[in-house]
Amino acid sequence: MPLFIVLCLALSFIVQTEQPVQVLLIAPWLTYTGVGLAGLIMLGVLCKKLTDLMWFDFFASCVLIAWFSYWKPLYVAESPMFFFFPVYFVVITAFVWVFFVGQRNNIDDETFGYVQKFAEHSMTQPWLIMLYALGSLKLLEHFLQYPVAMTLLILRFALSGCLQRESKLK
């Protein structure tokens, strides 16, 4: 998810250095555009039209932009979550990609069978996790729901990456 990682790092830098571009990033049209594009991507995943891993990257990036533009005006200017959440997303994305997907060759066939069954479970469907991520944007009083939803999305991305990589090996 390189686009998502770059956006997270850029947002963290912009917030930490108090760049004036923050004013542009809190425009209401960015919220609507991010949610709209994320909704279209989610529908494509639901209809099984979008199966490539890049769609996770686009979805996560759209939701990140929508989250920032929607939440930033509602919290105090020095709120640390606008710096720490994106940094957390970078760390967790890199970690699961390197240690889960990158280590697929070290996973035995029996364990991989369990991974496939887990991926087929109804609660781990990508569209359901994406719906949770979109819904968490509206839960302003429960501000930790958004990072939890994005963490689940990142884990599902790693799971899909592992499964997709395996299908290419066969």
Protein backbone atom coordinates (compact mmCIF):
# COMPACT_ATOMS: atom_id res chain seq x y z
CA MET A 1 0.00 0.00 0.00
CA PRO A 2 2.55 2.59 -1.07
CA LEU A 3 0.08 5.42 -1.74
CA PHE A 4 -1.44 4.99 1.71
CA ILE A 5 1.99 5.00 3.37
CA VAL A 6 3.06 8.13 1.49
CA LEU A 7 -0.19 9.93 2.38
CA CYS A 8 0.17 8.97 6.04
CA LEU A 9 3.73 10.26 6.16
CA ALA A 10 2.74 13.45 4.35
CA LEU A 11 -0.17 14.10 6.73
CA SER A 12 2.04 13.51 9.75
CA PHE A 13 4.65 15.90 8.40
CA ILE A 14 2.05 18.55 7.54
CA VAL A 15 0.46 18.35 10.99
CA GLN A 16 3.73 18.22 12.91
CA THR A 17 5.28 21.17 11.10
CA GLU A 18 2.00 23.10 11.06
CA GLN A 19 2.10 23.69 7.31
CA PRO A 20 -0.47 26.16 5.94
CA VAL A 21 -1.65 23.52 3.45
CA GLN A 22 -3.73 22.08 6.30
CA VAL A 23 -6.38 24.67 5.50
CA LEU A 24 -6.77 23.16 2.02
CA LEU A 25 -6.94 19.63 3.40
CA ILE A 26 -9.93 20.34 5.63
CA ALA A 27 -12.20 21.42 2.78
CA PRO A 28 -15.64 19.76 2.94
CA TRP A 29 -15.45 18.68 -0.71
CA LEU A 30 -12.45 16.47 0.20
CA THR A 31 -14.60 14.66 2.75
CA TYR A 32 -17.35 14.01 0.21
CA THR A 33 -14.90 13.03 -2.51
CA GLY A 34 -13.00 10.65 -0.22
CA VAL A 35 -16.16 8.99 1.08
CA GLY A 36 -17.66 8.80 -2.41
CA LEU A 37 -14.61 7.20 -3.97
CA ALA A 38 -14.21 4.84 -1.01
CA GLY A 39 -17.88 3.85 -1.36
CA LEU A 40 -17.43 3.12 -5.06
CA ILE A 41 -14.36 1.01 -4.35
CA MET A 42 -16.23 -0.85 -1.62
CA LEU A 43 -19.10 -1.59 -4.03
CA GLY A 44 -16.61 -2.85 -6.61
CA VAL A 45 -15.08 -5.17 -4.04
CA LEU A 46 -18.55 -6.33 -2.95
CA CYS A 47 -19.47 -7.17 -6.56
CA LYS A 48 -16.14 -9.01 -6.96
CA LYS A 49 -15.15 -6.64 -9.78
CA LEU A 50 -12.15 -5.20 -7.95
CA THR A 51 -9.94 -7.97 -6.61
CA ASP A 52 -6.45 -6.56 -7.04
CA LEU A 53 -4.56 -5.42 -3.96
CA MET A 54 -4.20 -1.88 -5.29
CA TRP A 55 -7.87 -1.28 -4.47
CA PHE A 56 -7.10 -1.71 -0.76
CA ASP A 57 -4.50 1.01 -1.19
CA PHE A 58 -6.92 3.36 -2.96
CA PHE A 59 -9.68 2.69 -0.43
CA ALA A 60 -7.42 3.28 2.57
CA SER A 61 -6.07 6.47 1.00
CA CYS A 62 -9.56 7.82 0.25
CA VAL A 63 -10.74 7.09 3.79
CA LEU A 64 -7.61 8.68 5.25
CA ILE A 65 -8.22 11.90 3.31
CA ALA A 66 -11.92 11.86 4.28
CA TRP A 67 -11.02 11.24 7.93
CA PHE A 68 -8.54 14.10 8.04
CA SER A 69 -10.77 16.61 6.28
CA TYR A 70 -13.83 15.66 8.35
CA TRP A 71 -12.26 15.32 11.80
CA LYS A 72 -9.51 17.94 11.79
CA PRO A 73 -11.85 20.96 12.12
CA LEU A 74 -13.73 19.29 14.98
CA TYR A 75 -10.76 18.80 17.30
CA VAL A 76 -8.34 21.23 18.90
CA ALA A 77 -5.47 22.41 16.74
CA GLU A 78 -2.78 20.52 18.68
CA SER A 79 -4.62 17.21 18.84
CA PRO A 80 -1.92 14.52 18.71
CA MET A 81 -4.09 11.94 16.95
CA PHE A 82 -3.58 13.65 13.58
CA PHE A 83 0.13 12.97 13.90
CA PHE A 84 0.19 9.64 15.71
CA PHE A 85 -2.58 7.77 13.86
CA PRO A 86 -0.92 8.14 10.44
CA VAL A 87 2.46 7.15 11.89
CA TYR A 88 0.81 4.13 13.50
CA PHE A 89 -0.75 3.19 10.13
CA VAL A 90 2.65 3.35 8.44
CA VAL A 91 4.24 1.14 11.07
CA ILE A 92 1.46 -1.45 11.10
CA THR A 93 1.22 -1.56 7.30
CA ALA A 94 4.96 -2.07 6.90
CA PHE A 95 5.02 -4.64 9.68
CA VAL A 96 2.24 -6.86 8.34
CA TRP A 97 3.53 -6.60 4.79
CA VAL A 98 7.11 -7.53 5.65
CA PHE A 99 6.43 -10.14 8.32
CA PHE A 100 3.26 -11.72 7.00
CA VAL A 101 3.14 -11.45 3.23
CA GLY A 102 6.88 -11.31 2.77
CA GLN A 103 7.33 -14.47 4.81
CA ARG A 104 4.72 -16.52 2.90
CA ASN A 105 7.37 -19.00 1.80
CA ASN A 106 7.94 -19.93 5.46
CA ILE A 107 4.27 -20.83 6.07
CA ASP A 108 3.55 -24.55 5.80
CA ASP A 109 0.63 -25.87 3.75
CA GLU A 110 -1.51 -26.80 6.75
CA THR A 111 -1.24 -23.32 8.25
CA PHE A 112 -1.93 -21.80 4.86
CA GLY A 113 -5.12 -23.88 4.68
CA TYR A 114 -6.22 -22.29 7.95
CA VAL A 115 -5.41 -18.87 6.54
CA GLN A 116 -7.60 -19.60 3.50
CA LYS A 117 -10.50 -20.72 5.70
CA PHE A 118 -10.13 -17.62 7.85
CA ALA A 119 -10.18 -15.43 4.72
CA GLU A 120 -13.38 -17.09 3.55
CA HIS A 121 -15.14 -16.43 6.86
CA SER A 122 -18.02 -13.96 6.56
CA MET A 123 -16.66 -11.57 9.21
CA THR A 124 -13.39 -11.08 7.36
CA GLN A 125 -14.84 -10.14 4.00
CA PRO A 126 -13.12 -7.03 2.64
CA TRP A 127 -16.34 -5.16 1.90
CA LEU A 128 -17.54 -5.65 5.47
CA ILE A 129 -14.32 -4.29 6.93
CA MET A 130 -14.45 -1.40 4.45
CA LEU A 131 -18.00 -0.64 5.53
CA TYR A 132 -16.84 -0.58 9.15
CA ALA A 133 -14.01 1.82 8.22
CA LEU A 134 -16.46 4.14 6.47
CA GLY A 135 -18.90 3.97 9.37
CA SER A 136 -16.18 4.71 11.89
CA LEU A 137 -15.71 8.14 10.32
CA LYS A 138 -19.07 9.17 11.73
CA LEU A 139 -18.26 8.01 15.29
CA LEU A 140 -16.68 11.22 16.52
CA GLU A 141 -17.23 10.46 20.20
CA HIS A 142 -15.48 7.08 19.76
CA PHE A 143 -12.32 8.34 18.12
CA LEU A 144 -10.49 5.01 18.51
CA GLN A 145 -12.93 3.20 16.22
CA TYR A 146 -11.28 4.65 13.13
CA PRO A 147 -7.76 3.32 13.87
CA VAL A 148 -9.26 -0.04 14.88
CA ALA A 149 -11.16 -0.22 11.59
CA MET A 150 -8.07 0.74 9.60
CA THR A 151 -5.98 -1.82 11.48
CA LEU A 152 -8.49 -4.50 10.53
CA LEU A 153 -8.39 -3.29 6.94
CA ILE A 154 -4.60 -3.44 6.91
CA LEU A 155 -4.67 -6.96 8.34
CA ARG A 156 -7.20 -7.99 5.71
CA PHE A 157 -4.95 -6.44 3.07
CA ALA A 158 -2.07 -8.59 4.32
CA LEU A 159 -4.29 -11.65 4.33
CA SER A 160 -5.42 -10.96 0.76
CA GLY A 161 -1.84 -10.28 -0.26
CA CYS A 162 -0.73 -13.59 1.13
CA LEU A 163 -3.54 -15.44 -0.64
CA GLN A 164 -2.97 -13.59 -3.91
CA ARG A 165 0.74 -14.22 -3.79
CA GLU A 166 0.09 -17.92 -3.24
CA SER A 167 -2.27 -18.09 -6.21
CA LYS A 168 0.45 -16.56 -8.40
CA LEU A 169 2.96 -19.14 -7.20
CA LYS A 170 0.73 -22.05 -8.24
